[in-house]
């Protein structure tokens, strides 16, 4: 179990090692190609030390990696800030904790996201009013300026659903999420309308886990699984806590959470029935 920066170093190093092996090079040969000592390549591959984006480019060139998506993803993991589209959040460095920036960077590069929410609507599907109410409740003592900035970030994150290609979002919502009156009845009614709109998008699969499902594996808390098309070795599970986030990268962890999510989907209402349920709640308002 690691925090975000350590996970990114380890995942980046593991992928660079795999690419070197695929290129038929030893670590010593790779080091010679880029003019380094062999120990530097080893430290990068084990995640023992960080690596600059410029150094990643040298290695990718030496390994003849031409896939632009893979190169971009690995450069993001190295902390590259060249792409304005992928790094808009750096304008908010003063208000975003590092773990939140790590989360957004992974979200911006992922091709798919699976999320279980047990208390609130996922950030990618929140209305401005709902996002404001949630943020105000979650972070005590916020002044209006910082609150405005955090809500702006929450809404800007939603651009991944409108990107080309868009992020594929699979969300399971505990029924409690729909009943908890965040911001009051009017805010909730509009939020449920937003969920119904999102559920009709081809890139969104939204399911409601009803109270009748009883106890389930999600009672331990919400989680997110990010997946990447370039390589499954970069997939990661994110667990949110009050003051930080934890990132799980092991194959056993990924397998357990993936299996758990599939179980939740099985016990949840179908996407069609979920949409009807959400629409019915507003009809009854």
Protein backbone atom coordinates (compact mmCIF):
# COMPACT_ATOMS: atom_id res chain seq x y z
CA UNK A 1 0.00 0.00 0.00
CA UNK A 2 1.57 3.28 -1.08
CA UNK A 3 0.74 6.95 -1.40
CA UNK A 4 0.32 8.43 -4.87
CA UNK A 5 3.82 9.72 -5.71
CA UNK A 6 5.48 6.45 -4.65
CA UNK A 7 3.00 4.42 -6.69
CA UNK A 8 3.61 6.56 -9.75
CA UNK A 9 7.40 6.11 -9.45
CA UNK A 10 7.07 2.35 -9.06
CA UNK A 11 4.62 2.00 -11.94
CA UNK A 12 6.70 4.22 -14.20
CA UNK A 13 9.85 2.27 -13.35
CA UNK A 14 8.18 -1.09 -13.95
CA UNK A 15 6.89 0.01 -17.34
CA UNK A 16 10.29 1.40 -18.38
CA UNK A 17 11.90 -1.89 -17.36
CA UNK A 18 9.37 -3.82 -19.46
CA UNK A 19 10.00 -1.54 -22.45
CA UNK A 20 13.78 -1.99 -22.08
CA UNK A 21 13.40 -5.76 -21.98
CA UNK A 22 11.14 -5.64 -25.03
CA UNK A 23 13.83 -3.66 -26.82
CA UNK A 24 16.33 -6.46 -26.08
CA UNK A 25 18.61 -4.31 -23.94
CA UNK A 26 20.30 -4.90 -20.60
CA UNK A 27 20.24 -2.09 -18.06
CA UNK A 28 23.92 -1.51 -18.76
CA UNK A 29 23.33 -1.25 -22.51
CA UNK A 30 20.43 1.15 -21.96
CA UNK A 31 22.59 3.32 -19.70
CA UNK A 32 25.35 3.42 -22.31
CA UNK A 33 22.89 4.54 -24.99
CA UNK A 34 21.80 7.58 -22.99
CA UNK A 35 25.17 8.32 -21.38
CA UNK A 36 24.35 7.31 -17.78
CA UNK A 37 25.72 4.94 -15.20
CA UNK A 38 23.91 1.61 -15.01
CA UNK A 39 22.94 2.33 -11.38
CA UNK A 40 20.77 5.26 -12.47
CA UNK A 41 18.71 3.04 -14.76
CA UNK A 42 18.32 0.50 -11.95
CA UNK A 43 17.17 3.13 -9.44
CA UNK A 44 14.58 4.44 -11.91
CA UNK A 45 13.27 0.97 -12.72
CA UNK A 46 12.84 0.01 -9.06
CA UNK A 47 11.18 3.31 -8.20
CA UNK A 48 13.95 4.07 -5.71
CA UNK A 49 14.41 7.53 -7.19
CA UNK A 50 12.35 9.96 -9.19
CA UNK A 51 12.98 10.64 -12.84
CA UNK A 52 12.65 13.82 -14.85
CA UNK A 53 10.43 13.92 -17.94
CA UNK A 54 13.49 14.72 -20.06
CA UNK A 55 15.16 11.51 -18.86
CA UNK A 56 12.03 9.50 -19.65
CA UNK A 57 12.10 10.87 -23.19
CA UNK A 58 15.73 9.76 -23.56
CA UNK A 59 14.86 6.25 -22.48
CA UNK A 60 11.75 6.04 -24.65
CA UNK A 61 13.77 7.19 -27.66
CA UNK A 62 16.48 4.63 -26.86
CA UNK A 63 13.81 1.91 -26.63
CA UNK A 64 12.18 3.16 -29.86
CA UNK A 65 8.80 3.67 -28.25
CA UNK A 66 6.72 5.63 -30.76
CA UNK A 67 3.18 5.13 -29.43
CA UNK A 68 2.13 8.75 -28.65
CA UNK A 69 -0.48 7.76 -26.05
CA UNK A 70 1.94 5.58 -24.13
CA UNK A 71 4.67 8.22 -24.29
CA UNK A 72 2.25 10.88 -23.03
CA UNK A 73 1.04 8.71 -20.16
CA UNK A 74 4.56 7.86 -19.00
CA UNK A 75 5.59 11.51 -19.21
CA UNK A 76 2.59 12.46 -17.07
CA UNK A 77 3.67 9.89 -14.48
CA UNK A 78 7.10 11.54 -14.53
CA UNK A 79 5.50 14.93 -13.83
CA UNK A 80 5.56 16.48 -17.28
CA UNK A 81 3.58 19.73 -17.51
CA UNK A 82 3.89 20.37 -21.22
CA UNK A 83 0.34 19.51 -22.24
CA UNK A 84 -2.01 22.28 -21.15
CA UNK A 85 -5.05 20.10 -21.84
CA UNK A 86 -3.85 17.43 -19.44
CA UNK A 87 -2.39 19.75 -16.80
CA UNK A 88 -4.98 22.48 -16.34
CA UNK A 89 -5.07 21.69 -12.60
CA UNK A 90 -1.60 23.16 -12.06
CA UNK A 91 -3.25 26.58 -12.06
CA UNK A 92 -4.83 25.50 -8.76
CA UNK A 93 -1.64 24.34 -7.04
CA UNK A 94 -2.26 26.77 -4.19
CA UNK A 95 -5.56 25.17 -3.20
CA UNK A 96 -5.14 21.50 -4.16
CA UNK A 97 -3.27 19.07 -1.90
CA UNK A 98 -0.71 16.86 -3.70
CA UNK A 99 -2.82 13.71 -3.32
CA UNK A 100 -5.74 15.40 -5.09
CA UNK A 101 -3.45 16.55 -7.91
CA UNK A 102 -2.20 12.96 -8.26
CA UNK A 103 -5.78 11.72 -8.45
CA UNK A 104 -6.69 14.24 -11.15
CA UNK A 105 -3.59 13.43 -13.20
CA UNK A 106 -4.50 9.73 -13.20
CA UNK A 107 -8.15 10.52 -13.99
CA UNK A 108 -7.14 12.69 -16.93
CA UNK A 109 -5.06 9.91 -18.51
CA UNK A 110 -7.23 6.89 -17.70
CA UNK A 111 -9.39 5.31 -20.38
CA UNK A 112 -11.84 3.80 -17.90
CA UNK A 113 -12.90 4.42 -14.33
CA UNK A 114 -14.93 2.12 -12.08
CA UNK A 115 -16.24 3.69 -8.89
CA UNK A 116 -18.35 2.66 -5.93
CA UNK A 117 -19.90 5.56 -4.04
CA UNK A 118 -21.65 4.98 -0.73
CA UNK A 119 -22.26 8.53 0.51
CA UNK A 120 -22.16 11.14 -2.25
CA UNK A 121 -22.56 11.43 -6.02
CA UNK A 122 -19.26 10.89 -7.91
CA UNK A 123 -17.45 14.15 -8.61
CA UNK A 124 -17.65 13.62 -12.38
CA UNK A 125 -21.46 13.67 -12.18
CA UNK A 126 -22.07 16.46 -9.67
CA UNK A 127 -23.99 19.66 -10.44
CA UNK A 128 -22.36 22.96 -9.41
CA UNK A 129 -24.79 23.41 -6.50
CA UNK A 130 -24.26 19.87 -5.23
CA UNK A 131 -20.47 20.18 -5.59
CA UNK A 132 -20.53 23.39 -3.60
CA UNK A 133 -22.59 21.88 -0.78
CA UNK A 134 -20.39 18.75 -0.61
CA UNK A 135 -17.15 20.75 -0.63
CA UNK A 136 -18.36 23.15 2.05
CA UNK A 137 -19.32 20.21 4.28
CA UNK A 138 -16.14 18.21 3.64
CA UNK A 139 -13.60 20.99 4.22
CA UNK A 140 -14.25 23.07 7.32
CA UNK A 141 -13.37 26.75 7.52
CA UNK A 142 -13.26 27.43 3.77
CA UNK A 143 -13.43 31.05 2.72
CA UNK A 144 -15.56 31.82 -0.33
CA UNK A 145 -12.58 32.31 -2.67
CA UNK A 146 -11.08 28.89 -1.92
CA UNK A 147 -14.51 27.27 -2.01
CA UNK A 148 -15.10 28.76 -5.47
CA UNK A 149 -11.73 27.42 -6.66
CA UNK A 150 -12.38 23.89 -5.39
CA UNK A 151 -15.81 23.82 -7.05
CA UNK A 152 -14.23 25.04 -10.30
CA UNK A 153 -11.78 22.15 -10.14
CA UNK A 154 -14.58 19.65 -9.49
CA UNK A 155 -16.48 20.87 -12.54
CA UNK A 156 -13.38 21.11 -14.75
CA UNK A 157 -12.63 17.44 -14.02
CA UNK A 158 -15.88 16.55 -15.79
CA UNK A 159 -14.33 17.46 -19.15
CA UNK A 160 -12.92 13.91 -19.30
CA UNK A 161 -16.44 12.72 -20.11
CA UNK A 162 -16.53 15.07 -23.09
CA UNK A 163 -13.01 14.39 -24.34
CA UNK A 164 -12.26 12.50 -27.55
CA UNK A 165 -12.25 9.67 -26.78
CA UNK A 166 -14.16 10.15 -23.53
CA UNK A 167 -13.43 8.42 -20.26
CA UNK A 168 -15.60 5.32 -19.81
CA UNK A 169 -17.29 5.68 -16.43
CA UNK A 170 -18.88 2.72 -14.64
CA UNK A 171 -20.46 3.89 -11.39
CA UNK A 172 -22.34 1.96 -8.73
CA UNK A 173 -24.21 4.20 -6.29
CA UNK A 174 -25.54 2.94 -3.01
CA UNK A 175 -29.21 3.90 -2.76
CA UNK A 176 -28.34 6.08 0.25
CA UNK A 177 -26.56 8.49 -2.10
CA UNK A 178 -29.85 9.35 -3.76
CA UNK A 179 -31.69 9.92 -0.49
CA UNK A 180 -29.09 12.00 1.36
CA UNK A 181 -30.27 15.61 0.98
CA UNK A 182 -27.06 17.41 0.17
CA UNK A 183 -27.87 21.09 -0.23
CA UNK A 184 -31.61 20.61 0.25
CA UNK A 185 -34.52 19.19 -1.79
CA UNK A 186 -34.14 21.48 -4.82
CA UNK A 187 -30.41 20.79 -5.14
CA UNK A 188 -31.06 17.05 -4.87
CA UNK A 189 -33.85 17.14 -7.47
CA UNK A 190 -31.53 18.84 -9.97
CA UNK A 191 -28.72 16.43 -9.05
CA UNK A 192 -30.93 13.45 -9.77
CA UNK A 193 -31.85 15.02 -13.12
CA UNK A 194 -28.14 15.33 -13.86
CA UNK A 195 -27.62 11.65 -13.00
CA UNK A 196 -30.44 10.67 -15.35
CA UNK A 197 -28.89 12.75 -18.14
CA UNK A 198 -25.47 11.19 -17.56
CA UNK A 199 -26.91 7.68 -17.45
CA UNK A 200 -28.07 8.11 -21.05
CA UNK A 201 -24.54 8.84 -22.30
CA UNK A 202 -22.93 5.91 -24.15
CA UNK A 203 -19.71 6.27 -22.14
CA UNK A 204 -21.49 6.11 -18.77
CA UNK A 205 -22.87 2.99 -17.07
CA UNK A 206 -24.73 3.98 -13.92
CA UNK A 207 -26.26 1.46 -11.51
CA UNK A 208 -28.07 1.89 -8.21
CA UNK A 209 -27.35 -0.63 -5.45
CA UNK A 210 -30.68 -0.87 -3.59
CA UNK A 211 -31.11 -1.17 0.17
CA UNK A 212 -32.65 -4.58 -0.49
CA UNK A 213 -29.21 -5.86 -1.52
CA UNK A 214 -28.38 -5.85 2.19
CA UNK A 215 -24.78 -5.85 3.40
CA UNK A 216 -22.20 -5.85 0.60
CA UNK A 217 -18.46 -5.55 0.13
CA UNK A 218 -18.82 -1.80 -0.31
CA UNK A 219 -19.67 -1.31 3.37
CA UNK A 220 -15.95 -0.89 4.01
CA UNK A 221 -15.99 2.30 1.97
CA UNK A 222 -15.96 3.77 -1.54
CA UNK A 223 -13.19 3.08 -4.03
CA UNK A 224 -12.07 3.93 -7.55
CA UNK A 225 -10.30 1.72 -10.10
CA UNK A 226 -8.46 3.50 -12.92
CA UNK A 227 -7.62 1.54 -16.08
CA UNK A 228 -5.30 2.51 -18.94
CA UNK A 229 -5.46 1.23 -22.50
CA UNK A 230 -1.72 1.47 -23.12
CA UNK A 231 -0.84 -1.01 -20.40
CA UNK A 232 -2.78 -2.76 -17.66
CA UNK A 233 0.35 -2.62 -15.48
CA UNK A 234 -0.54 1.00 -14.74
CA UNK A 235 -4.03 0.20 -13.39
CA UNK A 236 -4.52 1.37 -9.80
CA UNK A 237 -7.11 1.33 -7.01
CA UNK A 238 -7.66 4.54 -5.04
CA UNK A 239 -9.12 4.58 -1.52
CA UNK A 240 -10.15 7.97 -0.18
CA UNK A 241 -9.68 8.94 3.46
CA UNK A 242 -10.42 12.15 5.33
CA UNK A 243 -6.93 13.62 5.05
CA UNK A 244 -5.29 11.54 2.30
CA UNK A 245 -5.72 8.90 -0.38
CA UNK A 246 -4.15 5.46 -0.58
CA UNK A 247 -3.17 3.80 -3.84
CA UNK A 248 -3.14 0.03 -4.29
CA UNK A 249 -1.10 -1.28 -7.20
CA UNK A 250 -0.53 -4.98 -6.48
CA UNK A 251 -2.06 -7.54 -8.80
CA UNK A 252 -3.85 -9.22 -5.90
CA UNK A 253 -5.37 -5.91 -4.80
CA UNK A 254 -6.44 -5.03 -8.32
CA UNK A 255 -7.93 -8.47 -8.82
CA UNK A 256 -9.83 -8.36 -5.53
CA UNK A 257 -11.31 -4.93 -6.15
CA UNK A 258 -12.14 -5.71 -9.77
CA UNK A 259 -13.93 -8.89 -8.70
CA UNK A 260 -15.67 -6.99 -5.93
CA UNK A 261 -16.89 -4.34 -8.34
CA UNK A 262 -18.28 -6.99 -10.68
CA UNK A 263 -20.16 -8.49 -7.71
CA UNK A 264 -21.62 -5.08 -6.87
CA UNK A 265 -22.76 -4.63 -10.47
CA UNK A 266 -24.43 -8.04 -10.35
CA UNK A 267 -26.45 -7.16 -7.23
CA UNK A 268 -27.24 -3.60 -8.38
CA UNK A 269 -30.22 -2.63 -10.51
CA UNK A 270 -29.59 -2.80 -14.26
CA UNK A 271 -28.69 0.53 -15.91
CA UNK A 272 -32.21 0.71 -17.36
CA UNK A 273 -33.91 0.00 -14.03
CA UNK A 274 -31.55 2.39 -12.28
CA UNK A 275 -32.53 5.16 -14.68
CA UNK A 276 -36.22 4.44 -14.06
CA UNK A 277 -35.64 4.47 -10.31
CA UNK A 278 -33.86 7.84 -10.38
CA UNK A 279 -36.54 9.35 -12.65
CA UNK A 280 -39.26 7.97 -10.38
CA UNK A 281 -37.74 9.67 -7.34
CA UNK A 282 -38.06 13.05 -9.02
CA UNK A 283 -41.56 12.29 -10.26
CA UNK A 284 -42.55 11.81 -6.65
CA UNK A 285 -41.09 15.14 -5.50
